[in-house]
């Protein structure tokens, strides 16, 4: 029986992404676990794992992957690099009809590619099963703490992207000396869990939303807020979470009850454009508005956090927002609220993020791809196949054809 060949692609999108679906050790593990599989890696000068790290373990490097059955990357593959009649895995950023990827979507159709988008890999209840969100939360929270330290000259941390890995980043924790600040984390998904893990590593005391608003502490504390903690029905009816998800336009924000107590906001909650914003620009001008640093991990431009007017970069993660003028200013001045809005946070710890992502792929995806897909995982995650959109994604017709 012929082997199934999996090719690991070099990233082409600019700025260069250092992440990879599988680490060198995982490539070897795949061939041992799935004996019908061979893994090939396209050489890259910018990948977080160097070429010789793969070669030293016996992973096969290969420039031409045209004879591979399955091709796997991270970010969008430029249309000109796509090979017809293959199975591809990557984040395509097409399911919201993103205008900048219309050419890519058309190419996937015309080249009869089976496009399996990581974002679309779900269980039977359509809950996502893999992603980099956990590391977005970890790095986002770290950046928030880093920004707070810089704003008040409390400590000077090494940026996460300058750390070799997460272990080196954890060593930076020894520099952190926080006063009795109060921190809010919004959300309850992968991203929020990553942020909470980071704060737990700093030994911040966790308190309830009620305690956050009603008590003072002599130590740094944080509280996790779910949607019901800072939203209510506009008509005064009883809270129903599913109703909030289905009809967010029928709700209003109550977040203002926290803004007079919060010093650092780490925003990790998914936001529907129909839902209320957490607070307004007018709210931010109030003398009672205490938040001075906002780590907007979700990075919805002009979305739930009105000070997030643009995405920032890994090289320059912070900018200032002046509530009085509603304009951008210096990030750490007394006149501005410090904003962190990096939209590719997992790239700051690419080795660790890649290893965790690869583990999820091996555990949850490869068995369906290689052995059997009785649950329909691969089909649910496929945007197009054999020159046509799959039924789940037929709404993309006016965008794809």
Protein backbone atom coordinates (compact mmCIF):
# COMPACT_ATOMS: atom_id res chain seq x y z
CA UNK A 1 0.00 0.00 0.00
CA UNK A 2 1.36 3.42 -0.96
CA UNK A 3 2.18 5.89 1.77
CA UNK A 4 0.12 9.01 2.49
CA UNK A 5 2.49 11.95 2.08
CA UNK A 6 2.00 15.03 4.26
CA UNK A 7 3.93 18.16 3.31
CA UNK A 8 4.61 20.98 5.77
CA UNK A 9 4.60 24.25 3.85
CA UNK A 10 6.87 27.25 4.18
CA UNK A 11 4.94 30.38 5.19
CA UNK A 12 4.77 33.06 2.50
CA UNK A 13 2.39 35.68 3.87
CA UNK A 14 3.98 38.94 5.00
CA UNK A 15 4.91 39.69 7.71
CA UNK A 16 6.50 36.26 7.99
CA UNK A 17 4.79 33.88 10.38
CA UNK A 18 7.23 31.73 12.36
CA UNK A 19 4.69 29.10 13.41
CA UNK A 20 4.43 25.62 11.94
CA UNK A 21 1.82 22.84 12.22
CA UNK A 22 4.29 20.31 13.66
CA UNK A 23 7.57 20.48 15.56
CA UNK A 24 10.48 18.20 14.53
CA UNK A 25 9.65 15.73 17.31
CA UNK A 26 6.01 15.65 16.26
CA UNK A 27 6.91 14.89 12.63
CA UNK A 28 8.78 11.80 13.81
CA UNK A 29 5.94 10.86 16.18
CA UNK A 30 3.39 11.06 13.35
CA UNK A 31 5.29 8.51 11.27
CA UNK A 32 5.49 6.16 14.27
CA UNK A 33 1.83 6.52 15.24
CA UNK A 34 0.49 6.41 11.69
CA UNK A 35 2.74 3.94 9.89
CA UNK A 36 1.09 4.65 6.53
CA UNK A 37 2.27 8.29 6.63
CA UNK A 38 5.44 10.03 5.48
CA UNK A 39 6.10 13.65 6.50
CA UNK A 40 8.10 16.12 4.41
CA UNK A 41 9.05 19.66 5.41
CA UNK A 42 9.67 22.49 2.98
CA UNK A 43 12.84 24.36 4.08
CA UNK A 44 12.35 27.80 5.62
CA UNK A 45 14.77 30.45 6.82
CA UNK A 46 12.24 32.10 9.14
CA UNK A 47 10.42 29.21 10.78
CA UNK A 48 10.75 29.05 14.59
CA UNK A 49 12.18 25.54 14.28
CA UNK A 50 15.32 25.68 12.14
CA UNK A 51 15.92 23.38 9.19
CA UNK A 52 18.72 21.57 10.99
CA UNK A 53 16.44 20.85 13.96
CA UNK A 54 14.30 18.78 11.58
CA UNK A 55 17.27 17.20 9.82
CA UNK A 56 18.97 16.16 13.06
CA UNK A 57 15.93 14.04 13.94
CA UNK A 58 15.72 12.51 10.50
CA UNK A 59 12.78 14.53 9.19
CA UNK A 60 12.95 14.76 5.41
CA UNK A 61 13.38 18.28 3.97
CA UNK A 62 12.03 18.76 0.47
CA UNK A 63 11.55 21.89 -1.62
CA UNK A 64 9.10 20.42 -4.12
CA UNK A 65 6.00 19.10 -2.33
CA UNK A 66 3.94 18.52 -5.46
CA UNK A 67 3.83 14.76 -4.91
CA UNK A 68 2.36 15.14 -1.41
CA UNK A 69 -1.28 14.22 -0.84
CA UNK A 70 -1.91 16.68 2.00
CA UNK A 71 -0.30 20.10 2.39
CA UNK A 72 -0.37 21.90 5.73
CA UNK A 73 0.54 25.48 6.65
CA UNK A 74 -0.59 28.16 9.07
CA UNK A 75 -1.55 31.41 7.32
CA UNK A 76 -3.12 31.88 3.88
CA UNK A 77 -1.22 30.37 0.97
CA UNK A 78 -0.86 32.89 -1.89
CA UNK A 79 -3.01 31.81 -4.82
CA UNK A 80 -0.03 31.49 -7.16
CA UNK A 81 1.58 28.89 -4.87
CA UNK A 82 -1.44 26.57 -4.70
CA UNK A 83 -1.10 23.14 -6.31
CA UNK A 84 -4.23 21.83 -7.99
CA UNK A 85 -6.19 18.79 -6.79
CA UNK A 86 -4.62 18.66 -3.33
CA UNK A 87 -5.93 18.69 0.22
CA UNK A 88 -4.83 21.84 2.06
CA UNK A 89 -4.98 22.76 5.73
CA UNK A 90 -4.46 26.38 6.81
CA UNK A 91 -6.30 29.38 8.20
CA UNK A 92 -7.85 30.72 4.99
CA UNK A 93 -9.63 33.77 6.46
CA UNK A 94 -12.34 33.50 3.83
CA UNK A 95 -15.46 32.41 5.73
CA UNK A 96 -16.43 36.00 6.52
CA UNK A 97 -15.95 36.95 2.86
CA UNK A 98 -12.76 38.84 3.66
CA UNK A 99 -12.19 41.03 0.62
CA UNK A 100 -8.40 40.66 0.61
CA UNK A 101 -8.72 36.87 0.17
CA UNK A 102 -11.28 36.81 -2.64
CA UNK A 103 -8.57 35.87 -5.16
CA UNK A 104 -7.47 33.04 -2.89
CA UNK A 105 -11.03 31.71 -2.57
CA UNK A 106 -11.49 31.75 -6.35
CA UNK A 107 -8.20 29.93 -6.83
CA UNK A 108 -9.17 27.22 -4.36
CA UNK A 109 -12.31 26.59 -6.40
CA UNK A 110 -10.70 26.74 -9.85
CA UNK A 111 -7.83 24.46 -8.83
CA UNK A 112 -10.26 21.92 -7.36
CA UNK A 113 -8.58 22.00 -3.98
CA UNK A 114 -10.12 20.53 -0.85
CA UNK A 115 -9.68 23.45 1.55
CA UNK A 116 -9.84 22.30 5.17
CA UNK A 117 -9.76 25.38 7.36
CA UNK A 118 -8.50 24.92 10.93
CA UNK A 119 -11.05 27.46 12.07
CA UNK A 120 -13.84 25.27 10.67
CA UNK A 121 -12.79 22.02 12.32
CA UNK A 122 -15.55 21.44 14.85
CA UNK A 123 -17.26 18.73 16.82
CA UNK A 124 -20.77 17.63 15.89
CA UNK A 125 -22.19 20.60 17.84
CA UNK A 126 -19.99 22.96 15.79
CA UNK A 127 -17.66 23.84 18.64
CA UNK A 128 -14.11 24.51 17.46
CA UNK A 129 -11.68 21.80 18.49
CA UNK A 130 -8.28 23.38 17.72
CA UNK A 131 -6.73 26.82 17.59
CA UNK A 132 -4.08 29.19 18.90
CA UNK A 133 -6.46 31.11 21.17
CA UNK A 134 -4.90 29.83 24.40
CA UNK A 135 -1.56 31.37 23.49
CA UNK A 136 -3.22 34.59 22.40
CA UNK A 137 -4.55 34.84 25.95
CA UNK A 138 -1.21 34.00 27.56
CA UNK A 139 0.75 36.54 25.53
CA UNK A 140 -2.03 39.15 25.69
CA UNK A 141 -2.09 39.01 29.49
CA UNK A 142 1.72 39.14 29.63
CA UNK A 143 1.72 42.19 27.38
CA UNK A 144 -0.90 43.82 29.57
CA UNK A 145 1.27 43.34 32.66
CA UNK A 146 4.33 44.51 30.72
CA UNK A 147 2.46 47.65 29.62
CA UNK A 148 1.30 48.39 33.15
CA UNK A 149 4.86 48.09 34.42
CA UNK A 150 6.14 50.47 31.77
CA UNK A 151 3.39 53.01 32.28
CA UNK A 152 4.16 53.40 35.97
CA UNK A 153 7.91 52.58 35.86
CA UNK A 154 7.38 49.58 38.12
CA UNK A 155 9.47 47.00 36.24
CA UNK A 156 10.88 46.35 32.78
CA UNK A 157 10.04 42.99 31.22
CA UNK A 158 11.57 41.39 28.17
CA UNK A 159 8.96 41.31 25.37
CA UNK A 160 7.49 37.85 24.84
CA UNK A 161 8.74 37.70 21.25
CA UNK A 162 12.32 38.17 22.47
CA UNK A 163 12.02 35.14 24.75
CA UNK A 164 13.23 31.83 23.29
CA UNK A 165 10.18 30.06 24.66
CA UNK A 166 7.57 30.14 27.37
CA UNK A 167 10.03 28.96 30.00
CA UNK A 168 12.19 32.03 29.44
CA UNK A 169 9.10 34.22 29.57
CA UNK A 170 8.18 32.70 32.93
CA UNK A 171 11.62 33.65 34.24
CA UNK A 172 10.62 37.26 33.64
CA UNK A 173 7.91 36.87 36.27
CA UNK A 174 10.58 37.30 38.95
CA UNK A 175 10.87 40.98 37.99
CA UNK A 176 7.16 41.68 38.49
CA UNK A 177 6.15 43.58 41.60
CA UNK A 178 2.54 44.71 41.35
CA UNK A 179 0.82 47.01 43.85
CA UNK A 180 -2.78 46.32 44.87
CA UNK A 181 -4.08 46.69 41.31
CA UNK A 182 -7.36 45.20 40.15
CA UNK A 183 -7.42 43.30 36.86
CA UNK A 184 -10.42 42.16 34.81
CA UNK A 185 -10.39 39.30 32.31
CA UNK A 186 -13.46 39.06 30.08
CA UNK A 187 -14.63 35.81 28.48
CA UNK A 188 -14.64 32.11 29.26
CA UNK A 189 -13.14 30.45 26.19
CA UNK A 190 -9.65 29.39 25.14
CA UNK A 191 -8.35 32.95 25.03
CA UNK A 192 -9.60 33.87 28.50
CA UNK A 193 -8.30 30.61 29.93
CA UNK A 194 -4.85 31.44 28.59
CA UNK A 195 -4.94 34.86 30.24
CA UNK A 196 -6.10 33.35 33.55
CA UNK A 197 -3.30 30.77 33.38
CA UNK A 198 -0.78 33.61 33.06
CA UNK A 199 -2.26 35.56 35.98
CA UNK A 200 -2.32 32.38 38.05
CA UNK A 201 1.40 31.98 37.36
CA UNK A 202 1.89 35.45 38.83
CA UNK A 203 -0.05 34.34 41.94
CA UNK A 204 -2.64 37.07 41.64
CA UNK A 205 -5.55 36.50 43.95
CA UNK A 206 -8.77 35.59 42.14
CA UNK A 207 -11.93 37.30 43.42
CA UNK A 208 -15.58 37.25 42.37
CA UNK A 209 -17.16 40.04 40.31
CA UNK A 210 -19.11 41.11 43.42
CA UNK A 211 -15.93 41.27 45.50
CA UNK A 212 -14.23 43.19 42.71
CA UNK A 213 -16.81 45.97 42.86
CA UNK A 214 -17.36 46.06 46.61
CA UNK A 215 -14.11 45.33 48.45
CA UNK A 216 -10.57 46.67 48.60
CA UNK A 217 -7.46 44.50 48.90
CA UNK A 218 -3.84 44.96 49.90
CA UNK A 219 -2.63 42.72 47.08
CA UNK A 220 -3.06 42.48 43.31
CA UNK A 221 -6.31 40.76 42.37
CA UNK A 222 -8.23 39.75 39.27
CA UNK A 223 -11.77 38.75 38.39
CA UNK A 224 -13.12 36.88 35.40
CA UNK A 225 -16.28 38.33 33.88
CA UNK A 226 -18.70 36.32 31.77
CA UNK A 227 -21.23 37.96 29.47
CA UNK A 228 -23.95 37.89 32.13
CA UNK A 229 -21.70 39.84 34.50
CA UNK A 230 -21.60 42.93 32.28
CA UNK A 231 -24.76 42.75 30.16
CA UNK A 232 -28.47 42.78 30.90
CA UNK A 233 -31.68 42.57 28.91
CA UNK A 234 -32.92 45.94 27.66
CA UNK A 235 -36.49 45.10 28.70
CA UNK A 236 -35.59 43.97 32.21
CA UNK A 237 -36.42 40.29 31.65
CA UNK A 238 -34.51 37.40 33.21
CA UNK A 239 -31.05 36.71 31.80
CA UNK A 240 -30.81 33.86 29.29
CA UNK A 241 -27.37 33.11 27.87
CA UNK A 242 -28.63 31.49 24.68
CA UNK A 243 -30.90 34.46 24.05
CA UNK A 244 -27.88 36.74 24.40
CA UNK A 245 -25.97 34.74 21.80
CA UNK A 246 -28.95 34.63 19.44
CA UNK A 247 -30.17 38.22 19.90
CA UNK A 248 -27.37 40.35 21.37
CA UNK A 249 -29.03 43.51 20.03
CA UNK A 250 -31.69 43.10 22.73
CA UNK A 251 -29.17 43.65 25.52
CA UNK A 252 -27.29 46.58 27.02
CA UNK A 253 -23.94 46.83 28.76
CA UNK A 254 -23.56 47.20 32.51
CA UNK A 255 -19.75 47.25 32.40
CA UNK A 256 -19.65 50.77 33.85
CA UNK A 257 -20.09 49.32 37.33
CA UNK A 258 -16.55 47.92 37.03
CA UNK A 259 -14.70 50.81 35.34
CA UNK A 260 -14.32 52.80 38.58
CA UNK A 261 -12.52 49.85 40.22
CA UNK A 262 -10.44 48.34 37.38
CA UNK A 263 -6.82 49.29 36.67
CA UNK A 264 -5.96 46.81 33.90
CA UNK A 265 -8.48 45.30 31.48
CA UNK A 266 -7.58 42.12 29.56
CA UNK A 267 -10.35 41.73 27.02
CA UNK A 268 -10.67 38.16 25.72
CA UNK A 269 -14.37 37.81 25.03
CA UNK A 270 -15.77 37.19 21.55
CA UNK A 271 -17.88 40.12 20.41
CA UNK A 272 -20.80 40.12 18.00
CA UNK A 273 -21.12 43.48 16.18
CA UNK A 274 -24.82 43.43 17.12
CA UNK A 275 -23.96 43.27 20.82
CA UNK A 276 -23.45 46.36 23.00
CA UNK A 277 -19.94 47.70 23.41
CA UNK A 278 -18.41 47.39 26.87
CA UNK A 279 -18.27 51.16 27.31
CA UNK A 280 -18.36 54.29 25.17
CA UNK A 281 -15.85 57.02 24.41
CA UNK A 282 -17.98 59.28 26.57
CA UNK A 283 -17.67 56.80 29.46
CA UNK A 284 -13.89 56.89 29.06
CA UNK A 285 -13.89 60.66 29.73
CA UNK A 286 -15.58 60.22 33.09
CA UNK A 287 -13.43 61.10 36.14
CA UNK A 288 -14.51 57.75 37.59
CA UNK A 289 -13.08 55.78 34.66
CA UNK A 290 -10.03 54.17 36.28
CA UNK A 291 -8.77 51.79 33.60
CA UNK A 292 -5.34 52.99 32.49
CA UNK A 293 -4.11 49.97 30.50
CA UNK A 294 -6.21 47.89 28.09
CA UNK A 295 -4.90 44.66 26.59
CA UNK A 296 -7.45 44.06 23.84
CA UNK A 297 -6.66 40.48 22.90
CA UNK A 298 -9.73 40.25 20.66
CA UNK A 299 -8.53 43.27 18.65
CA UNK A 300 -11.87 44.20 17.09
CA UNK A 301 -11.11 47.52 15.39
CA UNK A 302 -13.68 50.13 16.46
CA UNK A 303 -15.51 47.28 18.16
CA UNK A 304 -16.34 46.41 21.74
CA UNK A 305 -13.46 48.53 23.08
CA UNK A 306 -13.74 52.00 21.48
CA UNK A 307 -10.08 52.88 22.11
CA UNK A 308 -8.98 50.06 19.79
CA UNK A 309 -8.74 52.22 16.71
CA UNK A 310 -6.15 50.09 14.93
CA UNK A 311 -4.16 46.91 15.37
CA UNK A 312 -0.68 47.30 16.80
CA UNK A 313 2.34 45.18 15.90
CA UNK A 314 4.62 42.78 17.74
CA UNK A 315 7.47 45.27 17.21
CA UNK A 316 5.38 48.17 18.58
CA UNK A 317 2.58 46.62 20.64
CA UNK A 318 1.39 49.73 22.47
CA UNK A 319 -0.18 53.02 21.55
CA UNK A 320 -1.98 55.65 23.57
CA UNK A 321 -5.61 56.72 23.39
CA UNK A 322 -6.49 60.18 24.63
CA UNK A 323 -10.12 60.15 25.88
CA UNK A 324 -10.34 63.95 25.81
CA UNK A 325 -9.42 64.28 22.13
CA UNK A 326 -10.43 60.75 21.06
CA UNK A 327 -7.12 60.63 19.21
CA UNK A 328 -4.04 58.46 19.39
CA UNK A 329 -1.15 59.68 21.52
CA UNK A 330 2.02 58.50 23.25
CA UNK A 331 1.43 55.06 24.80
CA UNK A 332 2.62 55.65 28.36
CA UNK A 333 1.83 59.33 29.00
CA UNK A 334 -0.39 60.61 31.77
CA UNK A 335 -2.89 61.92 29.21
CA UNK A 336 -3.51 58.60 27.49
CA UNK A 337 -4.84 55.15 28.20
CA UNK A 338 -2.29 52.56 27.13
CA UNK A 339 -3.68 50.20 24.49
CA UNK A 340 -2.25 46.84 23.41
CA UNK A 341 -4.02 45.49 20.31
CA UNK A 342 -1.68 43.04 18.60
CA UNK A 343 -3.71 40.84 16.23
CA UNK A 344 -1.23 37.93 15.95
CA UNK A 345 -0.23 37.37 19.58
CA UNK A 346 0.58 33.62 19.34
CA UNK A 347 3.43 34.53 16.97
CA UNK A 348 5.26 35.96 19.97
CA UNK A 349 5.79 32.46 21.38
CA UNK A 350 5.86 30.49 18.13
CA UNK A 351 7.69 27.39 19.36
CA UNK A 352 5.36 26.70 22.27
CA UNK A 353 2.25 27.71 20.33
CA UNK A 354 3.24 25.42 17.45
CA UNK A 355 3.91 22.45 19.72
CA UNK A 356 0.54 22.76 21.44
CA UNK A 357 -1.23 23.22 18.13
CA UNK A 358 0.55 20.20 16.65
CA UNK A 359 -0.45 18.07 19.63
CA UNK A 360 -4.10 18.95 19.05
CA UNK A 361 -3.78 18.12 15.35
CA UNK A 362 -2.24 14.72 16.12
CA UNK A 363 -4.82 13.88 18.79
CA UNK A 364 -7.99 15.27 17.21
CA UNK A 365 -7.53 15.65 13.46
CA UNK A 366 -5.03 13.19 11.99
CA UNK A 367 -7.00 10.08 13.01
CA UNK A 368 -9.99 11.38 11.03
CA UNK A 369 -7.78 12.33 8.11
CA UNK A 370 -5.73 9.14 7.94
CA UNK A 371 -7.78 6.30 9.48
CA UNK A 372 -11.50 7.12 9.22
CA UNK A 373 -13.78 10.11 9.49
CA UNK A 374 -16.90 8.47 10.84
CA UNK A 375 -17.86 11.66 12.68
CA UNK A 376 -17.53 13.82 9.55
CA UNK A 377 -14.86 16.10 11.04
CA UNK A 378 -12.96 16.65 7.79
CA UNK A 379 -16.14 17.19 5.80
CA UNK A 380 -17.41 19.79 8.29
CA UNK A 381 -14.11 21.62 8.08
CA UNK A 382 -13.93 21.61 4.28
CA UNK A 383 -14.91 24.91 2.68
CA UNK A 384 -14.64 23.60 -0.86
CA UNK A 385 -13.88 20.35 -2.66
CA UNK A 386 -13.61 19.23 -6.29
CA UNK A 387 -14.27 22.71 -7.64
CA UNK A 388 -17.39 23.42 -5.58
CA UNK A 389 -18.29 24.92 -2.24
CA UNK A 390 -19.47 22.35 0.28
CA UNK A 391 -23.06 22.65 1.49
CA UNK A 392 -22.08 24.29 4.78
CA UNK A 393 -20.35 27.11 2.92
CA UNK A 394 -22.65 27.69 -0.04
CA UNK A 395 -23.34 31.16 1.38
CA UNK A 396 -19.91 32.10 -0.05
CA UNK A 397 -21.11 31.63 -3.65
CA UNK A 398 -21.18 35.33 -4.52
CA UNK A 399 -17.69 35.66 -3.07
CA UNK A 400 -16.06 32.49 -4.41
CA UNK A 401 -17.21 32.27 -8.03
